[in-house]
Amino acid sequence: MRKVLLMLASGLFVIAGAAVPATSQAADKPNILIMGEDADQDTVPRNSRVFRRVLDGVANQLHDEGFDVFDETAVSLDNFAQGRARRTDAEIIDVAKSIKRPPIDVAVIFTIYASANETSYTTKIKTRIAGRLLQVKTGQRLGNFEVTSPRTWNAPADCPRECILEVVGKYSRVLANDLGSVLAEKLADLLDRRSSAGVVSGGKIANAFTLVFEGFTPEDIMDMEEYLAVFRGYKTHRLVYSGRRHHEVWYESNISAGRLDRNLKKMLDRLDISARVSFAGSEYTVQKITRRKTRVLDPDEW
């Protein structure tokens, strides 16, 4: 009988989701942060005008394709040191993960390589830009691409540092536009757009959440797992830790954080479980509110 009731309740979640208008069913567009990695001394540093022109070129292409691109300085101004150069991969990923307003979904990370070879009659310039898409919450690589200059570009023979920077910047901007265009196309494909409705339908990029259940028995978790698997947008889940009263679940879904919060509360209500649900970053904590049991002893045992 309990199994039948659970199936009926699960069906209500699906029906309720189907009744939502198409525009509200659409998953949130990813928030994108463009960052440069310049730890290698052979790369163009972050405080260079070449770096800024490349960043602007990549950002402009993603913006033109309809993506929400945020400026790193603006969103990290309050809590992070500004103007740092030669940052490692670990540092920039940690910054992207730590920004909460707005939460960053995808980091576009690029690296610029440039060299100039002076001869008696010209200066030969080589430029290469490598870029990759990283899903911040899961660490999953979503794609990468590299653009290079056609053999070499030429600058005047007597070309001082300022001259070389201008030439490299001009050519790098051309490569940056190409790189941004390719990465935007890769990201758009992953999002699986609905051309007829004109909105993103959730696509192939799943949000990843950690669900921490405190105070629940293994039997409680078994009941809740059946609900978790029927939520709209569900991709997969995995139990990563299970004890007698503490359980952790890795949960992947196209659902937004707000809708998952509502579904968890509906699930607890259907199961008649009193609990506190809190959310920070990509982690939900569900704390069961327990009550003292009343035990009746047999008088003969006294």
Protein backbone atom coordinates (compact mmCIF):
# COMPACT_ATOMS: atom_id res chain seq x y z
CA MET A 1 0.00 0.00 0.00
CA ARG A 2 2.84 2.40 0.91
CA LYS A 3 4.43 1.70 -2.50
CA VAL A 4 1.20 2.61 -4.31
CA LEU A 5 0.88 5.87 -2.36
CA LEU A 6 4.50 6.74 -3.15
CA MET A 7 3.93 6.15 -6.86
CA LEU A 8 0.86 8.40 -6.78
CA ALA A 9 2.79 11.12 -4.96
CA SER A 10 5.65 10.84 -7.44
CA GLY A 11 3.18 11.26 -10.26
CA LEU A 12 1.96 14.48 -8.68
CA PHE A 13 5.47 15.94 -8.92
CA VAL A 14 5.60 15.18 -12.65
CA ILE A 15 2.08 16.51 -13.31
CA ALA A 16 2.76 19.67 -11.31
CA GLY A 17 5.93 20.29 -13.30
CA ALA A 18 4.15 19.74 -16.60
CA ALA A 19 1.57 22.40 -15.72
CA VAL A 20 4.20 25.14 -15.46
CA PRO A 21 4.29 27.50 -18.48
CA ALA A 22 7.09 26.86 -20.98
CA THR A 23 9.02 30.01 -20.14
CA SER A 24 9.26 29.13 -16.44
CA GLN A 25 10.28 25.56 -17.25
CA ALA A 26 13.40 26.87 -18.92
CA ALA A 27 16.57 26.36 -16.96
CA ASP A 28 18.46 29.44 -15.91
CA LYS A 29 21.03 30.58 -18.44
CA PRO A 30 24.54 29.96 -17.13
CA ASN A 31 26.38 32.86 -15.51
CA ILE A 32 29.75 33.14 -17.25
CA LEU A 33 33.03 34.52 -15.95
CA ILE A 34 35.98 35.03 -18.31
CA MET A 35 39.38 34.61 -16.69
CA GLY A 36 42.96 34.50 -17.90
CA GLU A 37 45.60 32.10 -16.67
CA ASP A 38 49.10 33.63 -16.79
CA ALA A 39 51.18 31.66 -14.26
CA ASP A 40 53.59 30.49 -16.97
CA GLN A 41 56.29 33.12 -17.49
CA ASP A 42 56.06 32.50 -21.25
CA THR A 43 52.48 33.73 -21.35
CA VAL A 44 51.14 37.28 -21.66
CA PRO A 45 50.48 38.61 -18.12
CA ARG A 46 47.12 39.83 -16.88
CA ASN A 47 48.29 43.43 -16.50
CA SER A 48 49.15 43.72 -20.20
CA ARG A 49 47.08 45.69 -22.73
CA VAL A 50 47.23 42.59 -24.98
CA PHE A 51 45.53 40.56 -22.26
CA ARG A 52 42.73 43.11 -21.89
CA ARG A 53 42.08 43.23 -25.63
CA VAL A 54 41.81 39.44 -25.77
CA LEU A 55 39.46 39.38 -22.76
CA ASP A 56 37.25 42.03 -24.40
CA GLY A 57 37.18 40.12 -27.68
CA VAL A 58 36.14 36.81 -26.09
CA ALA A 59 33.57 38.54 -23.85
CA ASN A 60 32.04 40.40 -26.76
CA GLN A 61 31.49 37.23 -28.79
CA LEU A 62 29.79 35.44 -25.89
CA HIS A 63 27.69 38.53 -25.16
CA ASP A 64 26.58 38.80 -28.78
CA GLU A 65 25.44 35.16 -28.65
CA GLY A 66 23.07 36.00 -25.80
CA PHE A 67 25.07 34.71 -22.84
CA ASP A 68 25.26 36.48 -19.47
CA VAL A 69 28.91 37.48 -19.04
CA PHE A 70 30.10 39.08 -15.78
CA ASP A 71 33.14 41.22 -15.20
CA GLU A 72 35.58 39.57 -12.79
CA THR A 73 36.66 42.80 -11.11
CA ALA A 74 33.07 43.94 -10.55
CA VAL A 75 31.85 40.69 -8.97
CA SER A 76 35.00 40.05 -6.88
CA LEU A 77 35.69 43.62 -5.77
CA ASP A 78 34.56 43.29 -2.15
CA ASN A 79 36.23 40.06 -1.08
CA PHE A 80 39.31 39.49 -3.25
CA ALA A 81 42.60 41.30 -3.82
CA GLN A 82 42.55 43.11 -7.17
CA GLY A 83 45.21 43.49 -9.84
CA ARG A 84 47.02 40.21 -9.14
CA ALA A 85 49.03 38.84 -12.06
CA ARG A 86 50.68 35.48 -12.71
CA ARG A 87 47.78 33.66 -11.09
CA THR A 88 47.77 29.87 -11.06
CA ASP A 89 44.97 27.68 -12.36
CA ALA A 90 44.05 26.75 -8.79
CA GLU A 91 43.69 30.39 -7.75
CA ILE A 92 41.41 31.45 -10.57
CA ILE A 93 39.18 28.38 -10.19
CA ASP A 94 38.91 29.03 -6.44
CA VAL A 95 37.91 32.64 -7.15
CA ALA A 96 35.23 31.50 -9.61
CA LYS A 97 33.85 28.98 -7.08
CA SER A 98 33.86 31.50 -4.24
CA ILE A 99 31.83 34.19 -6.00
CA LYS A 100 28.21 33.86 -4.86
CA ARG A 101 26.59 37.06 -6.13
CA PRO A 102 26.00 36.09 -8.80
CA PRO A 103 26.89 32.38 -8.58
CA ILE A 104 29.18 31.47 -11.46
CA ASP A 105 28.23 28.41 -13.52
CA VAL A 106 30.83 28.37 -16.31
CA ALA A 107 34.36 29.78 -16.33
CA VAL A 108 35.94 30.59 -19.69
CA ILE A 109 39.68 30.32 -19.08
CA PHE A 110 42.17 31.46 -21.69
CA THR A 111 45.95 31.66 -22.00
CA ILE A 112 47.91 33.86 -24.43
CA TYR A 113 51.29 32.91 -25.88
CA ALA A 114 53.18 35.45 -27.99
CA SER A 115 56.73 35.79 -29.25
CA ALA A 116 58.63 38.24 -31.45
CA ASN A 117 61.71 37.37 -33.51
CA GLU A 118 63.63 40.39 -34.78
CA THR A 119 65.64 40.16 -38.01
CA SER A 120 67.54 42.77 -39.99
CA TYR A 121 64.57 43.34 -42.31
CA THR A 122 61.43 42.62 -40.23
CA THR A 123 60.06 41.40 -36.92
CA LYS A 124 58.20 38.10 -37.05
CA ILE A 125 55.42 37.68 -34.51
CA LYS A 126 53.75 34.46 -33.44
CA THR A 127 50.60 34.38 -31.32
CA ARG A 128 48.53 31.53 -29.89
CA ILE A 129 45.48 31.63 -27.60
CA ALA A 130 44.14 28.53 -25.86
CA GLY A 131 40.70 28.58 -24.23
CA ARG A 132 38.55 26.11 -22.36
CA LEU A 133 35.09 25.90 -20.79
CA LEU A 134 34.91 24.70 -17.19
CA GLN A 135 31.76 23.93 -15.23
CA VAL A 136 32.60 25.57 -11.93
CA LYS A 137 30.41 23.51 -9.59
CA THR A 138 31.54 20.09 -10.79
CA GLY A 139 34.97 20.78 -12.30
CA GLN A 140 33.83 19.14 -15.54
CA ARG A 141 35.56 20.30 -18.72
CA LEU A 142 32.93 21.25 -21.28
CA GLY A 143 35.23 21.82 -24.25
CA ASN A 144 38.34 23.63 -25.39
CA PHE A 145 39.76 25.25 -28.50
CA GLU A 146 42.98 26.85 -29.65
CA VAL A 147 43.61 29.51 -32.28
CA THR A 148 47.00 30.39 -33.73
CA SER A 149 48.37 33.04 -36.03
CA PRO A 150 48.86 31.96 -39.68
CA ARG A 151 52.56 31.06 -39.56
CA THR A 152 53.90 34.48 -38.55
CA TRP A 153 52.75 38.04 -38.67
CA ASN A 154 55.18 40.82 -39.50
CA ALA A 155 56.01 44.06 -37.72
CA PRO A 156 58.56 46.75 -38.70
CA ALA A 157 62.23 45.84 -38.43
CA ASP A 158 63.01 48.39 -35.76
CA CYS A 159 59.99 47.77 -33.58
CA PRO A 160 60.49 48.71 -29.90
CA ARG A 161 58.43 47.25 -27.05
CA GLU A 162 55.51 49.65 -27.48
CA CYS A 163 55.39 48.89 -31.19
CA ILE A 164 55.41 45.13 -30.59
CA LEU A 165 52.65 45.39 -27.98
CA GLU A 166 50.43 47.29 -30.41
CA VAL A 167 51.00 44.79 -33.21
CA VAL A 168 50.50 41.76 -30.95
CA GLY A 169 47.38 43.37 -29.45
CA LYS A 170 45.86 44.05 -32.86
CA TYR A 171 46.42 40.51 -34.09
CA SER A 172 45.46 38.91 -30.78
CA ARG A 173 42.10 40.70 -30.88
CA VAL A 174 41.42 38.99 -34.22
CA LEU A 175 42.26 35.58 -32.72
CA ALA A 176 40.21 36.36 -29.61
CA ASN A 177 37.11 37.01 -31.72
CA ASP A 178 37.58 33.63 -33.40
CA LEU A 179 38.15 31.87 -30.07
CA GLY A 180 35.13 33.50 -28.45
CA SER A 181 32.94 32.60 -31.41
CA VAL A 182 33.94 28.92 -31.26
CA LEU A 183 33.51 28.66 -27.48
CA ALA A 184 30.10 30.35 -27.72
CA GLU A 185 29.06 27.81 -30.34
CA LYS A 186 30.22 24.92 -28.16
CA LEU A 187 28.35 26.30 -25.16
CA ALA A 188 25.18 26.90 -27.17
CA ASP A 189 25.26 23.31 -28.41
CA LEU A 190 25.58 22.00 -24.85
CA LEU A 191 22.58 24.03 -23.76
CA ASP A 192 20.34 22.43 -26.40
CA ARG A 193 18.30 25.49 -27.29
CA ARG A 194 14.60 25.31 -28.16
CA SER A 195 14.52 27.38 -31.31
CA SER A 196 10.72 27.42 -31.45
CA ALA A 197 10.23 28.77 -27.91
CA GLY A 198 13.33 30.95 -28.00
CA VAL A 199 14.45 29.86 -24.53
CA VAL A 200 17.05 27.49 -23.12
CA SER A 201 15.37 24.22 -22.22
CA GLY A 202 17.83 22.89 -19.70
CA GLY A 203 20.07 21.20 -22.19
CA LYS A 204 22.97 18.92 -21.52
CA ILE A 205 24.69 20.94 -18.78
CA ALA A 206 23.44 19.62 -15.47
CA ASN A 207 23.68 21.50 -12.21
CA ALA A 208 25.44 19.55 -9.48
CA PHE A 209 24.36 19.67 -5.85
CA THR A 210 25.49 18.02 -2.64
CA LEU A 211 22.54 16.96 -0.49
CA VAL A 212 23.43 16.39 3.16
CA PHE A 213 20.82 14.63 5.31
CA GLU A 214 21.29 14.90 9.09
CA GLY A 215 19.36 12.75 11.55
CA PHE A 216 17.72 10.46 8.96
CA THR A 217 17.68 6.68 9.09
CA PRO A 218 18.72 4.54 6.10
CA GLU A 219 15.02 3.73 5.65
CA ASP A 220 14.20 7.45 5.40
CA ILE A 221 16.86 7.86 2.72
CA MET A 222 15.47 4.95 0.70
CA ASP A 223 12.03 6.61 0.69
CA MET A 224 13.47 9.99 -0.32
CA GLU A 225 15.65 8.55 -3.11
CA GLU A 226 12.51 7.51 -4.98
CA TYR A 227 11.34 11.13 -4.93
CA LEU A 228 14.74 12.53 -5.92
CA ALA A 229 14.71 10.40 -9.06
CA VAL A 230 11.36 11.75 -10.30
CA PHE A 231 12.01 15.48 -9.86
CA ARG A 232 11.83 17.37 -13.16
CA GLY A 233 15.25 17.74 -14.78
CA TYR A 234 16.75 14.76 -12.92
CA LYS A 235 19.97 13.39 -14.43
CA THR A 236 21.58 11.10 -11.86
CA HIS A 237 22.45 10.81 -8.20
CA ARG A 238 24.96 8.89 -6.16
CA LEU A 239 25.12 8.12 -2.46
CA VAL A 240 28.65 9.16 -1.46
CA TYR A 241 28.38 8.59 2.30
CA SER A 242 25.87 6.68 4.40
CA GLY A 243 25.84 6.11 8.15
CA ARG A 244 23.14 5.49 10.71
CA ARG A 245 22.12 9.16 10.93
CA HIS A 246 24.27 11.01 8.38
CA HIS A 247 23.98 10.66 4.60
CA GLU A 248 25.43 12.59 1.66
CA VAL A 249 24.14 12.47 -1.93
CA TRP A 250 25.75 13.83 -5.12
CA TYR A 251 22.80 15.03 -7.21
CA GLU A 252 22.87 16.17 -10.86
CA SER A 253 19.89 17.84 -12.49
CA ASN A 254 18.87 20.55 -14.95
CA ILE A 255 16.64 21.96 -12.22
CA SER A 256 17.36 25.40 -10.79
CA ALA A 257 18.42 25.81 -7.16
CA GLY A 258 15.13 27.50 -6.30
CA ARG A 259 12.98 24.74 -7.77
CA LEU A 260 15.05 22.04 -6.07
CA ASP A 261 14.53 23.82 -2.76
CA ARG A 262 10.75 23.80 -3.30
CA ASN A 263 10.74 20.15 -4.36
CA LEU A 264 12.72 19.06 -1.31
CA LYS A 265 10.22 20.80 0.97
CA LYS A 266 7.28 19.23 -0.90
CA MET A 267 8.95 15.81 -0.59
CA LEU A 268 9.33 16.20 3.18
CA ASP A 269 5.71 17.29 3.45
CA ARG A 270 4.49 14.26 1.46
CA LEU A 271 6.56 11.94 3.65
CA ASP A 272 5.26 13.71 6.79
CA ILE A 273 8.80 14.48 7.96
CA SER A 274 9.59 17.62 9.93
CA ALA A 275 12.97 19.03 8.89
CA ARG A 276 14.94 22.25 8.34
CA VAL A 277 16.28 22.86 4.81
CA SER A 278 19.19 25.26 4.32
CA PHE A 279 21.22 26.06 1.22
CA ALA A 280 24.66 27.57 0.65
CA GLY A 281 26.58 27.54 -2.62
CA SER A 282 25.73 24.19 -4.21
CA GLU A 283 25.11 22.33 -0.94
CA TYR A 284 21.76 21.64 0.67
CA THR A 285 21.59 20.55 4.30
CA VAL A 286 18.40 18.84 5.46
CA GLN A 287 18.23 18.48 9.25
CA LYS A 288 15.53 16.26 10.65
CA ILE A 289 13.62 17.64 13.63
CA THR A 290 13.34 14.69 16.00
CA ARG A 291 10.94 14.14 18.88
CA ARG A 292 11.38 12.19 22.07
CA LYS A 293 9.78 8.75 21.91
CA THR A 294 7.27 7.65 24.51
CA ARG A 295 7.96 4.17 25.81
CA VAL A 296 5.44 2.15 27.83
CA LEU A 297 7.04 -0.45 30.08
CA ASP A 298 5.41 -3.67 31.20
CA PRO A 299 4.57 -3.31 34.94
CA ASP A 300 5.87 -6.85 35.50
CA GLU A 301 9.35 -5.63 34.53
CA TRP A 302 9.51 -3.17 37.45
